[in-house]
Amino acid sequence: MNSMKVVVFLGMLAVAFAQQEQQQQQCNIEECLIKLRDPDPAKEGGDLKIFCSRTVEGLACLDRCLDSPIYQATSPIVMGGVKQLLSEICAPGSSLGKRYLQESKCLNHQNTTVMDCATSMIEKYPALIQRPDPESIIKVFCCSIDRTEECIVEKVHKDCGRGAAKLVNEMMGRAFYPINQVICYYNDPAQCPKF
């Protein structure tokens, strides 16, 4: 698992919002998500350049493919934190980038962690958003993010240790910061239903 797979999770959430529009498009969202499956920076001699350029390319692909009005309206909030996190990781001399490289060997052996946790929520999400009121939709969305974050941190802690789990938790906090401040600011994770 690598921490930028959070981007894949957000992309999958955007897909849930834009499913109908995507069926009518020439663009293939799965191709965008494949671009986000970056190489292991530890195997690239500790160089984040390939990782960063490939992730930027994947995000740009998502922006092109997901052109539904709801995605365009929510993209600055949904993807803004991810793009800010990426710029922090990729900045020359970044302490966050250095920490990521230190933990990347184990994290990249956890390729299915984010996908397993996110897929569990994504599979349930389309049925849950059929509820008619916007408050229920927002609660399901926010709770899905909370539950997915918990799942990821627990699995990373178990497999890679406390340091990696702390880093992943910090990175997800940064990636989801705009969502938590604008959309989910009132959501109490303790009140989230068990999906």
N, C-alpha and C. Protein backbone atom coordinates (compact mmCIF):
# COMPACT_ATOMS: atom_id res chain seq x y z
N MET A 1 0.86 -1.18 0.00
CA MET A 1 0.00 0.00 0.00
C MET A 1 0.89 1.22 0.00
N ASN A 2 0.56 2.19 -0.77
CA ASN A 2 1.27 3.45 -0.65
C ASN A 2 0.26 4.51 -0.30
N SER A 3 0.74 5.53 0.33
CA SER A 3 -0.16 6.54 0.88
C SER A 3 -0.95 7.28 -0.18
N MET A 4 -0.43 7.39 -1.38
CA MET A 4 -1.16 8.11 -2.41
C MET A 4 -2.31 7.28 -2.96
N LYS A 5 -2.45 6.05 -2.52
CA LYS A 5 -3.63 5.27 -2.92
C LYS A 5 -4.88 5.90 -2.34
N VAL A 6 -4.70 6.80 -1.39
CA VAL A 6 -5.82 7.60 -0.90
C VAL A 6 -6.45 8.33 -2.08
N VAL A 7 -5.61 8.75 -3.01
CA VAL A 7 -6.10 9.41 -4.22
C VAL A 7 -7.05 8.48 -4.96
N VAL A 8 -6.68 7.20 -5.01
CA VAL A 8 -7.53 6.22 -5.69
C VAL A 8 -8.88 6.15 -4.98
N PHE A 9 -8.87 6.15 -3.66
CA PHE A 9 -10.11 6.12 -2.89
C PHE A 9 -10.98 7.33 -3.23
N LEU A 10 -10.37 8.51 -3.24
CA LEU A 10 -11.14 9.71 -3.58
C LEU A 10 -11.64 9.64 -5.01
N GLY A 11 -10.83 9.10 -5.88
CA GLY A 11 -11.28 8.92 -7.26
C GLY A 11 -12.47 8.00 -7.34
N MET A 12 -12.44 6.94 -6.52
CA MET A 12 -13.56 6.00 -6.52
C MET A 12 -14.82 6.67 -5.97
N LEU A 13 -14.67 7.53 -4.97
CA LEU A 13 -15.83 8.27 -4.47
C LEU A 13 -16.39 9.18 -5.55
N ALA A 14 -15.51 9.82 -6.28
CA ALA A 14 -15.96 10.68 -7.37
C ALA A 14 -16.67 9.87 -8.43
N VAL A 15 -16.20 8.65 -8.66
CA VAL A 15 -16.85 7.76 -9.63
C VAL A 15 -18.27 7.45 -9.19
N ALA A 16 -18.46 7.24 -7.89
CA ALA A 16 -19.82 6.96 -7.40
C ALA A 16 -20.75 8.13 -7.71
N PHE A 17 -20.24 9.36 -7.60
CA PHE A 17 -21.05 10.54 -7.92
C PHE A 17 -21.30 10.67 -9.41
N ALA A 18 -20.34 10.25 -10.22
CA ALA A 18 -20.40 10.55 -11.65
C ALA A 18 -20.64 9.33 -12.52
N GLN A 19 -21.14 8.24 -11.95
CA GLN A 19 -21.29 7.00 -12.69
C GLN A 19 -22.09 7.15 -13.97
N GLN A 20 -23.21 7.80 -13.92
CA GLN A 20 -24.05 7.91 -15.10
C GLN A 20 -23.36 8.72 -16.19
N GLU A 21 -22.72 9.82 -15.84
CA GLU A 21 -22.03 10.63 -16.83
C GLU A 21 -20.88 9.86 -17.44
N GLN A 22 -20.17 9.07 -16.64
CA GLN A 22 -19.00 8.35 -17.12
C GLN A 22 -19.37 7.33 -18.18
N GLN A 23 -20.55 6.73 -18.10
CA GLN A 23 -20.96 5.75 -19.08
C GLN A 23 -21.12 6.38 -20.45
N GLN A 24 -21.36 7.67 -20.51
CA GLN A 24 -21.55 8.36 -21.77
C GLN A 24 -20.26 8.97 -22.29
N GLN A 25 -19.17 8.87 -21.55
CA GLN A 25 -17.92 9.51 -21.94
C GLN A 25 -16.99 8.54 -22.66
N GLN A 26 -16.07 9.10 -23.44
CA GLN A 26 -15.03 8.32 -24.09
C GLN A 26 -13.90 8.01 -23.10
N CYS A 27 -13.76 8.84 -22.10
CA CYS A 27 -12.68 8.73 -21.14
C CYS A 27 -12.89 7.51 -20.25
N ASN A 28 -11.80 6.83 -19.89
CA ASN A 28 -11.87 5.64 -19.05
C ASN A 28 -11.26 5.95 -17.69
N ILE A 29 -12.09 6.01 -16.68
CA ILE A 29 -11.63 6.36 -15.33
C ILE A 29 -10.67 5.31 -14.79
N GLU A 30 -10.88 4.05 -15.16
CA GLU A 30 -9.98 3.01 -14.68
C GLU A 30 -8.55 3.26 -15.15
N GLU A 31 -8.39 3.81 -16.34
CA GLU A 31 -7.04 4.15 -16.82
C GLU A 31 -6.41 5.21 -15.93
N CYS A 32 -7.21 6.15 -15.47
CA CYS A 32 -6.69 7.18 -14.55
C CYS A 32 -6.24 6.54 -13.24
N LEU A 33 -7.04 5.64 -12.72
CA LEU A 33 -6.70 5.00 -11.45
C LEU A 33 -5.45 4.14 -11.59
N ILE A 34 -5.26 3.52 -12.75
CA ILE A 34 -4.05 2.73 -12.99
C ILE A 34 -2.82 3.63 -12.95
N LYS A 35 -2.94 4.83 -13.50
CA LYS A 35 -1.81 5.78 -13.48
C LYS A 35 -1.44 6.16 -12.06
N LEU A 36 -2.39 6.07 -11.16
CA LEU A 36 -2.12 6.43 -9.77
C LEU A 36 -1.46 5.31 -8.98
N ARG A 37 -1.34 4.16 -9.57
CA ARG A 37 -0.62 3.06 -8.92
C ARG A 37 0.85 3.25 -9.21
N ASP A 38 1.47 4.07 -8.40
CA ASP A 38 2.82 4.53 -8.67
C ASP A 38 3.86 3.45 -8.41
N PRO A 39 5.07 3.66 -8.98
CA PRO A 39 6.16 2.74 -8.68
C PRO A 39 6.60 2.90 -7.23
N ASP A 40 7.26 1.90 -6.73
CA ASP A 40 7.78 1.93 -5.37
C ASP A 40 8.99 2.88 -5.34
N PRO A 41 8.88 4.02 -4.64
CA PRO A 41 10.00 4.96 -4.61
C PRO A 41 11.28 4.34 -4.04
N ALA A 42 11.13 3.37 -3.14
CA ALA A 42 12.31 2.73 -2.56
C ALA A 42 13.09 1.97 -3.63
N LYS A 43 12.40 1.42 -4.62
CA LYS A 43 13.07 0.69 -5.71
C LYS A 43 13.63 1.64 -6.75
N GLU A 44 13.24 2.88 -6.73
CA GLU A 44 13.71 3.87 -7.69
C GLU A 44 14.88 4.67 -7.11
N GLY A 45 15.62 4.05 -6.19
CA GLY A 45 16.75 4.73 -5.59
C GLY A 45 16.35 5.86 -4.66
N GLY A 46 15.16 5.78 -4.13
CA GLY A 46 14.70 6.81 -3.21
C GLY A 46 14.31 8.10 -3.90
N ASP A 47 14.13 8.06 -5.20
CA ASP A 47 13.78 9.27 -5.95
C ASP A 47 12.27 9.38 -6.05
N LEU A 48 11.75 10.49 -5.59
CA LEU A 48 10.31 10.72 -5.64
C LEU A 48 9.84 11.28 -6.98
N LYS A 49 10.76 11.60 -7.88
CA LYS A 49 10.38 12.26 -9.13
C LYS A 49 9.39 11.42 -9.94
N ILE A 50 9.67 10.13 -10.10
CA ILE A 50 8.78 9.26 -10.88
C ILE A 50 7.43 9.17 -10.19
N PHE A 51 7.47 8.94 -8.89
CA PHE A 51 6.24 8.86 -8.10
C PHE A 51 5.41 10.12 -8.26
N CYS A 52 6.05 11.27 -8.11
CA CYS A 52 5.34 12.54 -8.16
C CYS A 52 4.78 12.82 -9.55
N SER A 53 5.58 12.60 -10.58
CA SER A 53 5.10 12.89 -11.93
C SER A 53 3.96 11.96 -12.32
N ARG A 54 4.05 10.70 -11.93
CA ARG A 54 2.98 9.75 -12.27
C ARG A 54 1.69 10.08 -11.51
N THR A 55 1.82 10.49 -10.28
CA THR A 55 0.64 10.85 -9.49
C THR A 55 -0.02 12.11 -10.05
N VAL A 56 0.78 13.10 -10.42
CA VAL A 56 0.24 14.32 -11.03
C VAL A 56 -0.50 13.97 -12.32
N GLU A 57 0.09 13.08 -13.11
CA GLU A 57 -0.55 12.64 -14.37
C GLU A 57 -1.89 11.96 -14.09
N GLY A 58 -1.95 11.12 -13.07
CA GLY A 58 -3.20 10.44 -12.71
C GLY A 58 -4.27 11.41 -12.25
N LEU A 59 -3.88 12.41 -11.46
CA LEU A 59 -4.84 13.41 -11.00
C LEU A 59 -5.37 14.24 -12.16
N ALA A 60 -4.50 14.59 -13.09
CA ALA A 60 -4.93 15.36 -14.26
C ALA A 60 -5.89 14.54 -15.11
N CYS A 61 -5.64 13.25 -15.21
CA CYS A 61 -6.53 12.35 -15.94
C CYS A 61 -7.91 12.32 -15.29
N LEU A 62 -7.95 12.23 -13.96
CA LEU A 62 -9.24 12.24 -13.26
C LEU A 62 -9.98 13.55 -13.52
N ASP A 63 -9.26 14.65 -13.48
CA ASP A 63 -9.89 15.94 -13.74
C ASP A 63 -10.50 16.00 -15.14
N ARG A 64 -9.80 15.41 -16.12
CA ARG A 64 -10.33 15.39 -17.49
C ARG A 64 -11.53 14.46 -17.62
N CYS A 65 -11.45 13.31 -16.99
CA CYS A 65 -12.50 12.29 -17.16
C CYS A 65 -13.77 12.62 -16.39
N LEU A 66 -13.60 13.10 -15.19
CA LEU A 66 -14.75 13.36 -14.34
C LEU A 66 -15.21 14.79 -14.55
N ASP A 67 -15.90 15.00 -15.66
CA ASP A 67 -16.31 16.36 -15.98
C ASP A 67 -17.78 16.62 -15.69
N SER A 68 -18.37 15.78 -14.85
CA SER A 68 -19.77 16.02 -14.48
C SER A 68 -19.85 17.30 -13.66
N PRO A 69 -20.98 17.96 -13.68
CA PRO A 69 -21.13 19.20 -12.90
C PRO A 69 -20.85 19.00 -11.41
N ILE A 70 -21.28 17.87 -10.84
CA ILE A 70 -21.06 17.66 -9.41
C ILE A 70 -19.58 17.49 -9.11
N TYR A 71 -18.85 16.79 -9.98
CA TYR A 71 -17.41 16.63 -9.75
C TYR A 71 -16.70 17.98 -9.88
N GLN A 72 -17.04 18.73 -10.91
CA GLN A 72 -16.40 20.02 -11.11
C GLN A 72 -16.67 20.96 -9.94
N ALA A 73 -17.86 20.87 -9.37
CA ALA A 73 -18.21 21.72 -8.23
C ALA A 73 -17.50 21.29 -6.95
N THR A 74 -17.29 19.98 -6.79
CA THR A 74 -16.71 19.48 -5.55
C THR A 74 -15.21 19.21 -5.64
N SER A 75 -14.65 19.18 -6.83
CA SER A 75 -13.24 18.85 -7.01
C SER A 75 -12.29 19.69 -6.16
N PRO A 76 -12.47 21.01 -6.08
CA PRO A 76 -11.54 21.77 -5.24
C PRO A 76 -11.55 21.31 -3.78
N ILE A 77 -12.69 20.87 -3.31
CA ILE A 77 -12.78 20.39 -1.93
C ILE A 77 -12.27 18.96 -1.83
N VAL A 78 -12.76 18.10 -2.72
CA VAL A 78 -12.43 16.67 -2.65
C VAL A 78 -10.96 16.43 -2.98
N MET A 79 -10.46 17.05 -4.03
CA MET A 79 -9.10 16.77 -4.48
C MET A 79 -8.09 17.82 -4.01
N GLY A 80 -8.57 18.94 -3.49
CA GLY A 80 -7.66 20.00 -3.06
C GLY A 80 -6.66 19.55 -2.01
N GLY A 81 -7.12 18.81 -1.03
CA GLY A 81 -6.23 18.32 0.02
C GLY A 81 -5.22 17.33 -0.51
N VAL A 82 -5.65 16.49 -1.45
CA VAL A 82 -4.75 15.51 -2.04
C VAL A 82 -3.65 16.22 -2.83
N LYS A 83 -4.05 17.21 -3.61
CA LYS A 83 -3.06 17.95 -4.40
C LYS A 83 -2.09 18.71 -3.50
N GLN A 84 -2.58 19.27 -2.41
CA GLN A 84 -1.71 19.97 -1.46
C GLN A 84 -0.75 18.98 -0.81
N LEU A 85 -1.25 17.81 -0.41
CA LEU A 85 -0.40 16.78 0.18
C LEU A 85 0.69 16.37 -0.80
N LEU A 86 0.32 16.16 -2.04
CA LEU A 86 1.29 15.77 -3.06
C LEU A 86 2.37 16.83 -3.21
N SER A 87 1.98 18.09 -3.21
CA SER A 87 2.99 19.15 -3.35
C SER A 87 3.92 19.17 -2.14
N GLU A 88 3.41 18.84 -0.96
CA GLU A 88 4.25 18.79 0.24
C GLU A 88 5.22 17.61 0.18
N ILE A 89 4.75 16.46 -0.28
CA ILE A 89 5.61 15.28 -0.39
C ILE A 89 6.70 15.51 -1.43
N CYS A 90 6.34 16.13 -2.54
CA CYS A 90 7.24 16.26 -3.69
C CYS A 90 8.15 17.48 -3.63
N ALA A 91 7.97 18.35 -2.67
CA ALA A 91 8.83 19.54 -2.56
C ALA A 91 10.26 19.11 -2.25
N PRO A 92 11.24 19.72 -2.94
CA PRO A 92 12.65 19.37 -2.67
C PRO A 92 12.98 19.54 -1.19
N GLY A 93 13.60 18.51 -0.62
CA GLY A 93 14.00 18.55 0.77
C GLY A 93 12.87 18.38 1.77
N SER A 94 11.70 17.98 1.31
CA SER A 94 10.53 17.85 2.16
C SER A 94 10.74 16.79 3.25
N SER A 95 10.47 17.18 4.50
CA SER A 95 10.56 16.20 5.58
C SER A 95 9.48 15.14 5.44
N LEU A 96 8.32 15.53 4.94
CA LEU A 96 7.25 14.56 4.71
C LEU A 96 7.66 13.57 3.63
N GLY A 97 8.29 14.06 2.57
CA GLY A 97 8.79 13.18 1.51
C GLY A 97 9.83 12.20 2.04
N LYS A 98 10.72 12.68 2.91
CA LYS A 98 11.75 11.82 3.50
C LYS A 98 11.11 10.74 4.37
N ARG A 99 10.13 11.14 5.17
CA ARG A 99 9.44 10.16 6.02
C ARG A 99 8.71 9.13 5.16
N TYR A 100 8.08 9.61 4.09
CA TYR A 100 7.38 8.70 3.18
C TYR A 100 8.37 7.68 2.60
N LEU A 101 9.54 8.15 2.15
CA LEU A 101 10.54 7.24 1.60
C LEU A 101 11.00 6.22 2.64
N GLN A 102 11.15 6.64 3.89
CA GLN A 102 11.57 5.72 4.94
C GLN A 102 10.57 4.58 5.14
N GLU A 103 9.31 4.89 5.03
CA GLU A 103 8.26 3.90 5.27
C GLU A 103 7.78 3.21 3.99
N SER A 104 8.22 3.69 2.82
CA SER A 104 7.64 3.22 1.56
C SER A 104 7.87 1.74 1.30
N LYS A 105 8.97 1.19 1.77
CA LYS A 105 9.24 -0.23 1.49
C LYS A 105 8.12 -1.11 2.04
N CYS A 106 7.76 -0.90 3.28
CA CYS A 106 6.67 -1.70 3.86
C CYS A 106 5.32 -1.28 3.28
N LEU A 107 5.10 0.02 3.17
CA LEU A 107 3.81 0.49 2.68
C LEU A 107 3.51 -0.02 1.28
N ASN A 108 4.52 -0.10 0.44
CA ASN A 108 4.29 -0.56 -0.93
C ASN A 108 4.08 -2.07 -1.02
N HIS A 109 4.36 -2.78 0.05
CA HIS A 109 4.02 -4.21 0.09
C HIS A 109 2.58 -4.41 0.55
N GLN A 110 1.91 -3.34 0.88
CA GLN A 110 0.53 -3.38 1.34
C GLN A 110 -0.41 -2.89 0.24
N ASN A 111 -0.14 -3.25 -0.99
CA ASN A 111 -0.88 -2.70 -2.13
C ASN A 111 -2.39 -2.84 -2.02
N THR A 112 -2.87 -3.84 -1.35
CA THR A 112 -4.32 -4.05 -1.32
C THR A 112 -5.00 -3.38 -0.13
N THR A 113 -4.25 -2.86 0.82
CA THR A 113 -4.85 -2.31 2.03
C THR A 113 -5.86 -1.21 1.74
N VAL A 114 -5.42 -0.18 1.03
CA VAL A 114 -6.33 0.93 0.72
C VAL A 114 -7.47 0.44 -0.15
N MET A 115 -7.14 -0.36 -1.15
CA MET A 115 -8.17 -0.83 -2.07
C MET A 115 -9.20 -1.70 -1.34
N ASP A 116 -8.73 -2.58 -0.45
CA ASP A 116 -9.67 -3.42 0.30
C ASP A 116 -10.58 -2.57 1.18
N CYS A 117 -10.00 -1.64 1.90
CA CYS A 117 -10.79 -0.79 2.79
C CYS A 117 -11.74 0.10 1.99
N ALA A 118 -11.23 0.72 0.93
CA ALA A 118 -12.05 1.62 0.13
C ALA A 118 -13.13 0.87 -0.63
N THR A 119 -12.78 -0.27 -1.21
CA THR A 119 -13.76 -1.04 -1.98
C THR A 119 -14.91 -1.47 -1.10
N SER A 120 -14.61 -1.84 0.13
CA SER A 120 -15.66 -2.22 1.06
C SER A 120 -16.69 -1.10 1.21
N MET A 121 -16.22 0.14 1.32
CA MET A 121 -17.12 1.28 1.45
C MET A 121 -17.77 1.62 0.11
N ILE A 122 -16.99 1.61 -0.96
CA ILE A 122 -17.49 2.01 -2.27
C ILE A 122 -18.60 1.07 -2.74
N GLU A 123 -18.45 -0.22 -2.46
CA GLU A 123 -19.49 -1.17 -2.88
C GLU A 123 -20.81 -0.88 -2.20
N LYS A 124 -20.76 -0.39 -0.98
CA LYS A 124 -21.98 -0.09 -0.23
C LYS A 124 -22.51 1.30 -0.54
N TYR A 125 -21.63 2.20 -0.95
CA TYR A 125 -21.98 3.60 -1.10
C TYR A 125 -23.10 3.87 -2.10
N PRO A 126 -23.06 3.34 -3.36
CA PRO A 126 -24.14 3.68 -4.31
C PRO A 126 -25.54 3.35 -3.79
N ALA A 127 -25.69 2.23 -3.11
CA ALA A 127 -27.01 1.88 -2.57
C ALA A 127 -27.40 2.84 -1.45
N LEU A 128 -26.44 3.24 -0.65
CA LEU A 128 -26.74 4.12 0.47
C LEU A 128 -27.09 5.54 0.02
N ILE A 129 -26.57 5.98 -1.13
CA ILE A 129 -26.86 7.35 -1.56
C ILE A 129 -28.23 7.47 -2.22
N GLN A 130 -28.97 6.39 -2.27
CA GLN A 130 -30.33 6.45 -2.81
C GLN A 130 -31.29 7.09 -1.81
N ARG A 131 -30.83 7.28 -0.59
CA ARG A 131 -31.67 7.96 0.40
C ARG A 131 -31.99 9.36 -0.13
N PRO A 132 -33.21 9.82 0.07
CA PRO A 132 -33.64 11.05 -0.60
C PRO A 132 -33.09 12.36 -0.04
N ASP A 133 -32.73 12.41 1.22
CA ASP A 133 -32.36 13.72 1.77
C ASP A 133 -30.85 13.94 1.74
N PRO A 134 -30.43 15.17 1.43
CA PRO A 134 -29.00 15.49 1.35
C PRO A 134 -28.24 15.23 2.64
N GLU A 135 -28.89 15.43 3.78
CA GLU A 135 -28.21 15.21 5.05
C GLU A 135 -27.77 13.75 5.19
N SER A 136 -28.63 12.81 4.76
CA SER A 136 -28.27 11.39 4.82
C SER A 136 -27.11 11.08 3.88
N ILE A 137 -27.14 11.69 2.70
CA ILE A 137 -26.06 11.46 1.73
C ILE A 137 -24.73 11.95 2.30
N ILE A 138 -24.74 13.13 2.89
CA ILE A 138 -23.52 13.69 3.46
C ILE A 138 -23.03 12.83 4.62
N LYS A 139 -23.95 12.37 5.48
CA LYS A 139 -23.56 11.53 6.61
C LYS A 139 -22.92 10.23 6.12
N VAL A 140 -23.52 9.61 5.10
CA VAL A 140 -22.96 8.37 4.55
C VAL A 140 -21.58 8.63 3.97
N PHE A 141 -21.44 9.72 3.23
CA PHE A 141 -20.15 10.08 2.63
C PHE A 141 -19.09 10.28 3.71
N CYS A 142 -19.41 11.08 4.72
CA CYS A 142 -18.45 11.39 5.78
C CYS A 142 -18.11 10.16 6.61
N CYS A 143 -19.11 9.38 6.92
CA CYS A 143 -18.88 8.15 7.69
C CYS A 143 -18.06 7.15 6.88
N SER A 144 -18.29 7.10 5.58
CA SER A 144 -17.50 6.21 4.71
C SER A 144 -16.03 6.59 4.76
N ILE A 145 -15.75 7.87 4.72
CA ILE A 145 -14.37 8.33 4.81
C ILE A 145 -13.78 7.96 6.17
N ASP A 146 -14.52 8.22 7.25
CA ASP A 146 -14.03 7.90 8.59
C ASP A 146 -13.74 6.41 8.73
N ARG A 147 -14.67 5.58 8.31
CA ARG A 147 -14.50 4.13 8.43
C ARG A 147 -13.33 3.63 7.58
N THR A 148 -13.18 4.19 6.39
CA THR A 148 -12.08 3.79 5.53
C THR A 148 -10.74 4.19 6.14
N GLU A 149 -10.66 5.39 6.68
CA GLU A 149 -9.42 5.84 7.34
C GLU A 149 -9.07 4.91 8.50
N GLU A 150 -10.05 4.58 9.33
CA GLU A 150 -9.81 3.68 10.46
C GLU A 150 -9.29 2.34 9.98
N CYS A 151 -9.92 1.79 8.97
CA CYS A 151 -9.53 0.49 8.41
C CYS A 151 -8.09 0.53 7.92
N ILE A 152 -7.74 1.57 7.17
CA ILE A 152 -6.39 1.68 6.62
C ILE A 152 -5.35 1.79 7.72
N VAL A 153 -5.58 2.66 8.69
CA VAL A 153 -4.60 2.87 9.76
C VAL A 153 -4.43 1.58 10.57
N GLU A 154 -5.51 0.88 10.88
CA GLU A 154 -5.42 -0.37 11.62
C GLU A 154 -4.57 -1.40 10.87
N LYS A 155 -4.81 -1.55 9.58
CA LYS A 155 -4.07 -2.54 8.80
C LYS A 155 -2.60 -2.16 8.65
N VAL A 156 -2.33 -0.87 8.42
CA VAL A 156 -0.94 -0.43 8.30
C VAL A 156 -0.22 -0.61 9.63
N HIS A 157 -0.86 -0.29 10.73
CA HIS A 157 -0.25 -0.47 12.05
C HIS A 157 0.11 -1.94 12.27
N LYS A 158 -0.80 -2.80 11.94
CA LYS A 158 -0.58 -4.24 12.13
C LYS A 158 0.58 -4.74 11.28
N ASP A 159 0.66 -4.30 10.03
CA ASP A 159 1.64 -4.85 9.10
C ASP A 159 2.96 -4.07 9.04
N CYS A 160 2.92 -2.78 9.30
CA CYS A 160 4.12 -1.95 9.11
C CYS A 160 4.58 -1.24 10.38
N GLY A 161 3.79 -1.31 11.42
CA GLY A 161 4.19 -0.70 12.68
C GLY A 161 3.61 0.68 12.93
N ARG A 162 3.89 1.14 14.13
CA ARG A 162 3.31 2.39 14.59
C ARG A 162 3.77 3.60 13.79
N GLY A 163 5.05 3.65 13.42
CA GLY A 163 5.57 4.79 12.67
C GLY A 163 4.88 4.96 11.33
N ALA A 164 4.71 3.86 10.62
CA ALA A 164 4.04 3.91 9.31
C ALA A 164 2.58 4.29 9.48
N ALA A 165 1.94 3.73 10.50
CA ALA A 165 0.52 4.04 10.74
C ALA A 165 0.35 5.52 11.08
N LYS A 166 1.27 6.05 11.88
CA LYS A 166 1.22 7.47 12.24
C LYS A 166 1.39 8.34 10.99
N LEU A 167 2.33 7.97 10.12
CA LEU A 167 2.55 8.73 8.89
C LEU A 167 1.32 8.68 7.99
N VAL A 168 0.76 7.49 7.80
CA VAL A 168 -0.42 7.34 6.94
C VAL A 168 -1.59 8.13 7.52
N ASN A 169 -1.77 8.06 8.82
CA ASN A 169 -2.85 8.82 9.47
C ASN A 169 -2.66 10.33 9.25
N GLU A 170 -1.43 10.80 9.40
CA GLU A 170 -1.13 12.22 9.18
C GLU A 170 -1.39 12.61 7.72
N MET A 171 -0.97 11.76 6.80
CA MET A 171 -1.15 12.07 5.38
C MET A 171 -2.63 12.07 5.00
N MET A 172 -3.38 11.12 5.53
CA MET A 172 -4.82 11.11 5.24
C MET A 172 -5.49 12.33 5.86
N GLY A 173 -5.06 12.71 7.05
CA GLY A 173 -5.61 13.91 7.68
C GLY A 173 -5.39 15.14 6.81
N ARG A 174 -4.22 15.23 6.21
CA ARG A 174 -3.93 16.36 5.32
C ARG A 174 -4.74 16.26 4.03
N ALA A 175 -4.82 15.06 3.48
CA ALA A 175 -5.55 14.87 2.22
C ALA A 175 -7.03 15.16 2.40
N PHE A 176 -7.60 14.76 3.53
CA PHE A 176 -9.03 14.93 3.76
C PHE A 176 -9.37 16.23 4.49
N TYR A 177 -8.37 17.04 4.82
CA TYR A 177 -8.62 18.26 5.58
C TYR A 177 -9.72 19.14 4.98
N PRO A 178 -9.66 19.47 3.67
CA PRO A 178 -10.73 20.31 3.12
C PRO A 178 -12.12 19.67 3.25
N ILE A 179 -12.20 18.37 3.03
CA ILE A 179 -13.48 17.68 3.15
C ILE A 179 -13.98 17.77 4.59
N ASN A 180 -13.09 17.51 5.53
CA ASN A 180 -13.49 17.54 6.94
C ASN A 180 -13.87 18.94 7.41
N GLN A 181 -13.26 19.97 6.84
CA GLN A 181 -13.56 21.34 7.24
C GLN A 181 -14.81 21.89 6.58
N VAL A 182 -15.10 21.48 5.35
CA VAL A 182 -16.20 22.06 4.60
C VAL A 182 -17.44 21.18 4.60
N ILE A 183 -17.27 19.88 4.43
CA ILE A 183 -18.42 18.98 4.28
C ILE A 183 -18.71 18.23 5.57
N CYS A 184 -17.69 17.71 6.21
CA CYS A 184 -17.88 16.79 7.33
C CYS A 184 -17.56 17.41 8.69
N TYR A 185 -17.54 18.72 8.78
CA TYR A 185 -17.13 19.38 10.02
C TYR A 185 -18.00 19.02 11.22
N TYR A 186 -19.25 18.68 10.99
CA TYR A 186 -20.16 18.37 12.10
C TYR A 186 -20.28 16.87 12.35
N ASN A 187 -19.67 16.07 11.51
CA ASN A 187 -19.83 14.62 11.61
C ASN A 187 -19.08 14.07 12.82
N ASP A 188 -19.76 13.29 13.63
CA ASP A 188 -19.15 12.64 14.78
C ASP A 188 -18.94 11.17 14.42
N PRO A 189 -17.68 10.76 14.21
CA PRO A 189 -17.42 9.37 13.81
C PRO A 189 -18.02 8.34 14.77
N ALA A 190 -18.15 8.70 16.05
CA ALA A 190 -18.74 7.77 17.02
C ALA A 190 -20.21 7.49 16.71
N GLN A 191 -20.85 8.41 15.99
CA GLN A 191 -22.27 8.24 15.64
C GLN A 191 -22.47 7.59 14.27
N CYS A 192 -21.39 7.22 13.61
CA CYS A 192 -21.52 6.61 12.28
C CYS A 192 -22.10 5.21 12.40
N PRO A 193 -23.03 4.88 11.51
CA PRO A 193 -23.58 3.53 11.53
C PRO A 193 -22.54 2.53 11.05
N LYS A 194 -22.71 1.29 11.44
CA LYS A 194 -21.85 0.21 10.94
C LYS A 194 -22.39 -0.18 9.58
N PHE A 195 -21.60 0.06 8.55
CA PHE A 195 -22.06 -0.25 7.19
C PHE A 195 -21.86 -1.71 6.88
